[in-house]
PDB file of N, CA and C in Angstrom:
ATOM      1  N   MET A   1    -112.664  12.041 -37.141  1.00  0.00           N
ATOM      2  CA  MET A   1    -113.863  11.609 -36.467  1.00  0.00           C
ATOM      3  C   MET A   1    -114.657  12.850 -36.085  1.00  0.00           C
ATOM      4  N   LYS A   2    -115.960  12.770 -36.237  1.00  0.00           N
ATOM      5  CA  LYS A   2    -116.830  13.888 -35.916  1.00  0.00           C
ATOM      6  C   LYS A   2    -117.754  13.482 -34.774  1.00  0.00           C
ATOM      7  N   ILE A   3    -117.747  14.252 -33.711  1.00  0.00           N
ATOM      8  CA  ILE A   3    -118.626  13.996 -32.582  1.00  0.00           C
ATOM      9  C   ILE A   3    -119.950  14.683 -32.870  1.00  0.00           C
ATOM     10  N   ILE A   4    -121.019  13.919 -32.875  1.00  0.00           N
ATOM     11  CA  ILE A   4    -122.332  14.464 -33.198  1.00  0.00           C
ATOM     12  C   ILE A   4    -123.080  14.916 -31.945  1.00  0.00           C
ATOM     13  N   LYS A   5    -123.041  14.101 -30.908  1.00  0.00           N
ATOM     14  CA  LYS A   5    -123.751  14.412 -29.670  1.00  0.00           C
ATOM     15  C   LYS A   5    -122.941  13.897 -28.491  1.00  0.00           C
ATOM     16  N   ILE A   6    -122.876  14.682 -27.427  1.00  0.00           N
ATOM     17  CA  ILE A   6    -122.171  14.231 -26.238  1.00  0.00           C
ATOM     18  C   ILE A   6    -123.189  13.721 -25.218  1.00  0.00           C
ATOM     19  N   PRO A   7    -122.780  12.809 -24.336  1.00  0.00           N
ATOM     20  CA  PRO A   7    -123.697  12.222 -23.361  1.00  0.00           C
ATOM     21  C   PRO A   7    -124.180  13.220 -22.307  1.00  0.00           C
ATOM     22  N   LYS A   8    -125.174  12.804 -21.549  1.00  0.00           N
ATOM     23  CA  LYS A   8    -125.755  13.661 -20.514  1.00  0.00           C
ATOM     24  C   LYS A   8    -124.816  13.889 -19.342  1.00  0.00           C
ATOM     25  N   TRP A   9    -123.789  13.034 -19.155  1.00  0.00           N
ATOM     26  CA  TRP A   9    -122.862  13.199 -18.038  1.00  0.00           C
ATOM     27  C   TRP A   9    -121.815  14.257 -18.344  1.00  0.00           C
ATOM     28  N   SER A  10    -122.139  15.225 -19.165  1.00  0.00           N
ATOM     29  CA  SER A  10    -121.154  16.171 -19.674  1.00  0.00           C
ATOM     30  C   SER A  10    -120.775  17.290 -18.704  1.00  0.00           C
ATOM     31  N   ILE A  11    -121.145  17.182 -17.447  1.00  0.00           N
ATOM     32  CA  ILE A  11    -120.714  18.173 -16.457  1.00  0.00           C
ATOM     33  C   ILE A  11    -119.533  17.594 -15.684  1.00  0.00           C
ATOM     34  N   VAL A  12    -118.438  18.339 -15.654  1.00  0.00           N
ATOM     35  CA  VAL A  12    -117.201  17.893 -15.005  1.00  0.00           C
ATOM     36  C   VAL A  12    -116.967  18.728 -13.754  1.00  0.00           C
ATOM     37  N   LYS A  13    -116.641  18.053 -12.663  1.00  0.00           N
ATOM     38  CA  LYS A  13    -116.267  18.729 -11.419  1.00  0.00           C
ATOM     39  C   LYS A  13    -114.775  18.506 -11.215  1.00  0.00           C
ATOM     40  N   CYS A  14    -114.008  19.579 -11.265  1.00  0.00           N
ATOM     41  CA  CYS A  14    -112.554  19.505 -11.157  1.00  0.00           C
ATOM     42  C   CYS A  14    -112.121  19.603  -9.696  1.00  0.00           C
ATOM     43  N   SER A  15    -110.931  19.104  -9.411  1.00  0.00           N
ATOM     44  CA  SER A  15    -110.398  19.163  -8.044  1.00  0.00           C
ATOM     45  C   SER A  15    -110.071  20.592  -7.608  1.00  0.00           C
ATOM     46  N   CYS A  16    -109.951  21.529  -8.562  1.00  0.00           N
ATOM     47  CA  CYS A  16    -109.680  22.924  -8.213  1.00  0.00           C
ATOM     48  C   CYS A  16    -110.947  23.649  -7.749  1.00  0.00           C
ATOM     49  N   GLY A  17    -112.109  22.969  -7.873  1.00  0.00           N
ATOM     50  CA  GLY A  17    -113.373  23.566  -7.454  1.00  0.00           C
ATOM     51  C   GLY A  17    -114.229  24.031  -8.614  1.00  0.00           C
ATOM     52  N   ALA A  18    -113.680  24.028  -9.807  1.00  0.00           N
ATOM     53  CA  ALA A  18    -114.445  24.452 -10.980  1.00  0.00           C
ATOM     54  C   ALA A  18    -115.431  23.367 -11.386  1.00  0.00           C
ATOM     55  N   GLU A  19    -116.569  23.790 -11.883  1.00  0.00           N
ATOM     56  CA  GLU A  19    -117.577  22.880 -12.413  1.00  0.00           C
ATOM     57  C   GLU A  19    -117.996  23.452 -13.761  1.00  0.00           C
ATOM     58  N   PHE A  20    -117.866  22.642 -14.819  1.00  0.00           N
ATOM     59  CA  PHE A  20    -118.155  23.159 -16.153  1.00  0.00           C
ATOM     60  C   PHE A  20    -118.786  22.080 -17.006  1.00  0.00           C
ATOM     61  N   GLU A  21    -119.494  22.537 -18.040  1.00  0.00           N
ATOM     62  CA  GLU A  21    -120.170  21.624 -18.953  1.00  0.00           C
ATOM     63  C   GLU A  21    -119.344  21.485 -20.224  1.00  0.00           C
ATOM     64  N   ILE A  22    -119.238  20.249 -20.692  1.00  0.00           N
ATOM     65  CA  ILE A  22    -118.453  19.956 -21.892  1.00  0.00           C
ATOM     66  C   ILE A  22    -119.276  20.263 -23.136  1.00  0.00           C
ATOM     67  N   GLU A  23    -118.633  20.881 -24.100  1.00  0.00           N
ATOM     68  CA  GLU A  23    -119.196  21.027 -25.438  1.00  0.00           C
ATOM     69  C   GLU A  23    -118.373  20.153 -26.362  1.00  0.00           C
ATOM     70  N   LYS A  24    -118.964  19.713 -27.461  1.00  0.00           N
ATOM     71  CA  LYS A  24    -118.281  18.748 -28.324  1.00  0.00           C
ATOM     72  C   LYS A  24    -116.970  19.274 -28.892  1.00  0.00           C
ATOM     73  N   ASP A  25    -116.826  20.573 -29.039  1.00  0.00           N
ATOM     74  CA  ASP A  25    -115.584  21.135 -29.574  1.00  0.00           C
ATOM     75  C   ASP A  25    -114.455  21.146 -28.550  1.00  0.00           C
ATOM     76  N   ASP A  26    -114.779  20.918 -27.265  1.00  0.00           N
ATOM     77  CA  ASP A  26    -113.777  20.939 -26.199  1.00  0.00           C
ATOM     78  C   ASP A  26    -113.053  19.610 -26.033  1.00  0.00           C
ATOM     79  N   ILE A  27    -113.619  18.524 -26.558  1.00  0.00           N
ATOM     80  CA  ILE A  27    -113.082  17.183 -26.343  1.00  0.00           C
ATOM     81  C   ILE A  27    -111.877  16.932 -27.243  1.00  0.00           C
ATOM     82  N   SER A  28    -110.813  16.417 -26.656  1.00  0.00           N
ATOM     83  CA  SER A  28    -109.611  16.043 -27.406  1.00  0.00           C
ATOM     84  C   SER A  28    -109.506  14.522 -27.423  1.00  0.00           C
ATOM     85  N   ILE A  29    -108.907  13.994 -28.479  1.00  0.00           N
ATOM     86  CA  ILE A  29    -108.737  12.551 -28.620  1.00  0.00           C
ATOM     87  C   ILE A  29    -107.264  12.259 -28.837  1.00  0.00           C
ATOM     88  N   GLU A  30    -106.727  11.359 -28.022  1.00  0.00           N
ATOM     89  CA  GLU A  30    -105.340  10.920 -28.170  1.00  0.00           C
ATOM     90  C   GLU A  30    -105.363   9.446 -28.545  1.00  0.00           C
ATOM     91  N   THR A  31    -104.557   9.069 -29.518  1.00  0.00           N
ATOM     92  CA  THR A  31    -104.536   7.672 -29.949  1.00  0.00           C
ATOM     93  C   THR A  31    -103.165   7.059 -29.685  1.00  0.00           C
ATOM     94  N   TYR A  32    -103.179   5.769 -29.373  1.00  0.00           N
ATOM     95  CA  TYR A  32    -101.955   4.998 -29.173  1.00  0.00           C
ATOM     96  C   TYR A  32    -102.005   3.792 -30.100  1.00  0.00           C
ATOM     97  N   ASN A  33    -100.956   3.579 -30.860  1.00  0.00           N
ATOM     98  CA  ASN A  33    -100.844   2.386 -31.694  1.00  0.00           C
ATOM     99  C   ASN A  33     -99.950   1.399 -30.967  1.00  0.00           C
ATOM    100  N   MET A  34    -100.485   0.223 -30.726  1.00  0.00           N
ATOM    101  CA  MET A  34     -99.719  -0.797 -30.014  1.00  0.00           C
ATOM    102  C   MET A  34     -99.540  -2.004 -30.918  1.00  0.00           C
ATOM    103  N   GLY A  35     -98.303  -2.439 -31.089  1.00  0.00           N
ATOM    104  CA  GLY A  35     -98.012  -3.628 -31.870  1.00  0.00           C
ATOM    105  C   GLY A  35     -97.782  -4.822 -30.965  1.00  0.00           C
ATOM    106  N   ASN A  36     -98.382  -5.948 -31.302  1.00  0.00           N
ATOM    107  CA  ASN A  36     -98.193  -7.184 -30.543  1.00  0.00           C
ATOM    108  C   ASN A  36     -97.089  -8.017 -31.176  1.00  0.00           C
ATOM    109  N   LEU A  37     -96.586  -8.977 -30.460  1.00  0.00           N
ATOM    110  CA  LEU A  37     -95.513  -9.832 -30.971  1.00  0.00           C
ATOM    111  C   LEU A  37     -95.962 -10.675 -32.164  1.00  0.00           C
ATOM    112  N   ASP A  38     -97.254 -10.973 -32.256  1.00  0.00           N
ATOM    113  CA  ASP A  38     -97.739 -11.778 -33.378  1.00  0.00           C
ATOM    114  C   ASP A  38     -97.994 -10.945 -34.636  1.00  0.00           C
ATOM    115  N   GLY A  39     -97.670  -9.667 -34.611  1.00  0.00           N
ATOM    116  CA  GLY A  39     -97.798  -8.820 -35.788  1.00  0.00           C
ATOM    117  C   GLY A  39     -99.101  -8.048 -35.874  1.00  0.00           C
ATOM    118  N   THR A  40    -100.030  -8.270 -34.960  1.00  0.00           N
ATOM    119  CA  THR A  40    -101.283  -7.530 -34.991  1.00  0.00           C
ATOM    120  C   THR A  40    -101.102  -6.172 -34.323  1.00  0.00           C
ATOM    121  N   ARG A  41    -101.969  -5.250 -34.673  1.00  0.00           N
ATOM    122  CA  ARG A  41    -101.922  -3.909 -34.101  1.00  0.00           C
ATOM    123  C   ARG A  41    -103.232  -3.600 -33.405  1.00  0.00           C
ATOM    124  N   LYS A  42    -103.138  -2.810 -32.358  1.00  0.00           N
ATOM    125  CA  LYS A  42    -104.319  -2.392 -31.626  1.00  0.00           C
ATOM    126  C   LYS A  42    -104.233  -0.877 -31.452  1.00  0.00           C
ATOM    127  N   ILE A  43    -105.326  -0.189 -31.730  1.00  0.00           N
ATOM    128  CA  ILE A  43    -105.370   1.262 -31.563  1.00  0.00           C
ATOM    129  C   ILE A  43    -106.246   1.571 -30.357  1.00  0.00           C
ATOM    130  N   ILE A  44    -105.702   2.321 -29.421  1.00  0.00           N
ATOM    131  CA  ILE A  44    -106.421   2.694 -28.210  1.00  0.00           C
ATOM    132  C   ILE A  44    -106.707   4.190 -28.258  1.00  0.00           C
ATOM    133  N   PHE A  45    -107.979   4.547 -28.046  1.00  0.00           N
ATOM    134  CA  PHE A  45    -108.387   5.944 -28.044  1.00  0.00           C
ATOM    135  C   PHE A  45    -108.586   6.416 -26.610  1.00  0.00           C
ATOM    136  N   THR A  46    -108.061   7.577 -26.279  1.00  0.00           N
ATOM    137  CA  THR A  46    -108.296   8.204 -24.985  1.00  0.00           C
ATOM    138  C   THR A  46    -108.961   9.552 -25.246  1.00  0.00           C
ATOM    139  N   TRP A  47    -110.166   9.703 -24.717  1.00  0.00           N
ATOM    140  CA  TRP A  47    -110.922  10.944 -24.854  1.00  0.00           C
ATOM    141  C   TRP A  47    -110.722  11.746 -23.576  1.00  0.00           C
ATOM    142  N   TYR A  48    -110.393  13.012 -23.692  1.00  0.00           N
ATOM    143  CA  TYR A  48    -110.149  13.818 -22.495  1.00  0.00           C
ATOM    144  C   TYR A  48    -110.508  15.278 -22.729  1.00  0.00           C
ATOM    145  N   ILE A  49    -110.601  15.991 -21.630  1.00  0.00           N
ATOM    146  CA  ILE A  49    -110.833  17.438 -21.658  1.00  0.00           C
ATOM    147  C   ILE A  49    -109.964  18.048 -20.569  1.00  0.00           C
ATOM    148  N   ASN A  50    -109.475  19.251 -20.809  1.00  0.00           N
ATOM    149  CA  ASN A  50    -108.667  19.952 -19.817  1.00  0.00           C
ATOM    150  C   ASN A  50    -109.516  21.016 -19.138  1.00  0.00           C
ATOM    151  N   CYS A  51    -109.341  21.158 -17.841  1.00  0.00           N
ATOM    152  CA  CYS A  51    -110.055  22.182 -17.084  1.00  0.00           C
ATOM    153  C   CYS A  51    -109.654  23.559 -17.610  1.00  0.00           C
ATOM    154  N   PRO A  52    -110.624  24.426 -17.914  1.00  0.00           N
ATOM    155  CA  PRO A  52    -110.280  25.751 -18.452  1.00  0.00           C
ATOM    156  C   PRO A  52    -109.660  26.680 -17.406  1.00  0.00           C
ATOM    157  N   PHE A  53    -109.703  26.298 -16.131  1.00  0.00           N
ATOM    158  CA  PHE A  53    -109.172  27.157 -15.073  1.00  0.00           C
ATOM    159  C   PHE A  53    -107.773  26.741 -14.626  1.00  0.00           C
ATOM    160  N   CYS A  54    -107.584  25.428 -14.348  1.00  0.00           N
ATOM    161  CA  CYS A  54    -106.276  24.993 -13.833  1.00  0.00           C
ATOM    162  C   CYS A  54    -105.512  24.119 -14.835  1.00  0.00           C
ATOM    163  N   GLY A  55    -106.180  23.622 -15.879  1.00  0.00           N
ATOM    164  CA  GLY A  55    -105.507  22.822 -16.900  1.00  0.00           C
ATOM    165  C   GLY A  55    -105.437  21.335 -16.600  1.00  0.00           C
ATOM    166  N   GLU A  56    -106.023  20.884 -15.479  1.00  0.00           N
ATOM    167  CA  GLU A  56    -105.995  19.461 -15.140  1.00  0.00           C
ATOM    168  C   GLU A  56    -106.723  18.641 -16.211  1.00  0.00           C
ATOM    169  N   GLN A  57    -106.137  17.519 -16.596  1.00  0.00           N
ATOM    170  CA  GLN A  57    -106.726  16.654 -17.622  1.00  0.00           C
ATOM    171  C   GLN A  57    -107.725  15.699 -16.983  1.00  0.00           C
ATOM    172  N   HIS A  58    -108.905  15.617 -17.565  1.00  0.00           N
ATOM    173  CA  HIS A  58    -109.961  14.705 -17.114  1.00  0.00           C
ATOM    174  C   HIS A  58    -110.237  13.722 -18.249  1.00  0.00           C
ATOM    175  N   ASN A  59    -109.977  12.442 -18.014  1.00  0.00           N
ATOM    176  CA  ASN A  59    -110.275  11.415 -19.010  1.00  0.00           C
ATOM    177  C   ASN A  59    -111.769  11.148 -19.004  1.00  0.00           C
ATOM    178  N   LEU A  60    -112.329  10.997 -20.195  1.00  0.00           N
ATOM    179  CA  LEU A  60    -113.758  10.761 -20.351  1.00  0.00           C
ATOM    180  C   LEU A  60    -113.989   9.297 -20.688  1.00  0.00           C
ATOM    181  N   LYS A  61    -115.015   8.726 -20.107  1.00  0.00           N
ATOM    182  CA  LYS A  61    -115.390   7.340 -20.403  1.00  0.00           C
ATOM    183  C   LYS A  61    -116.543   7.386 -21.380  1.00  0.00           C
ATOM    184  N   MET A  62    -116.274   7.021 -22.609  1.00  0.00           N
ATOM    185  CA  MET A  62    -117.317   7.053 -23.630  1.00  0.00           C
ATOM    186  C   MET A  62    -118.215   5.844 -23.502  1.00  0.00           C
ATOM    187  N   GLY A  63    -119.479   6.017 -23.793  1.00  0.00           N
ATOM    188  CA  GLY A  63    -120.414   4.917 -23.778  1.00  0.00           C
ATOM    189  C   GLY A  63    -121.116   4.714 -22.458  1.00  0.00           C
ATOM    190  N   GLU A  64    -120.905   5.613 -21.509  1.00  0.00           N
ATOM    191  CA  GLU A  64    -121.592   5.489 -20.220  1.00  0.00           C
ATOM    192  C   GLU A  64    -122.662   6.536 -20.105  1.00  0.00           C
TER     193      GLU A  64
END
């Protein structure tokens, strides 16, 4: 997947006091494959970025 443009809410304020702006190359994507009892599968995407100072993970809400 290629991220073309990131939203305007791209400034993150971390609990360590750091405030930084996200660039598209900084975003990581984690996927989960979930199987249901009826045989269907669901893929869940989690978009996140880690603070460059303390390493705390911040989950991103896409589409807002």
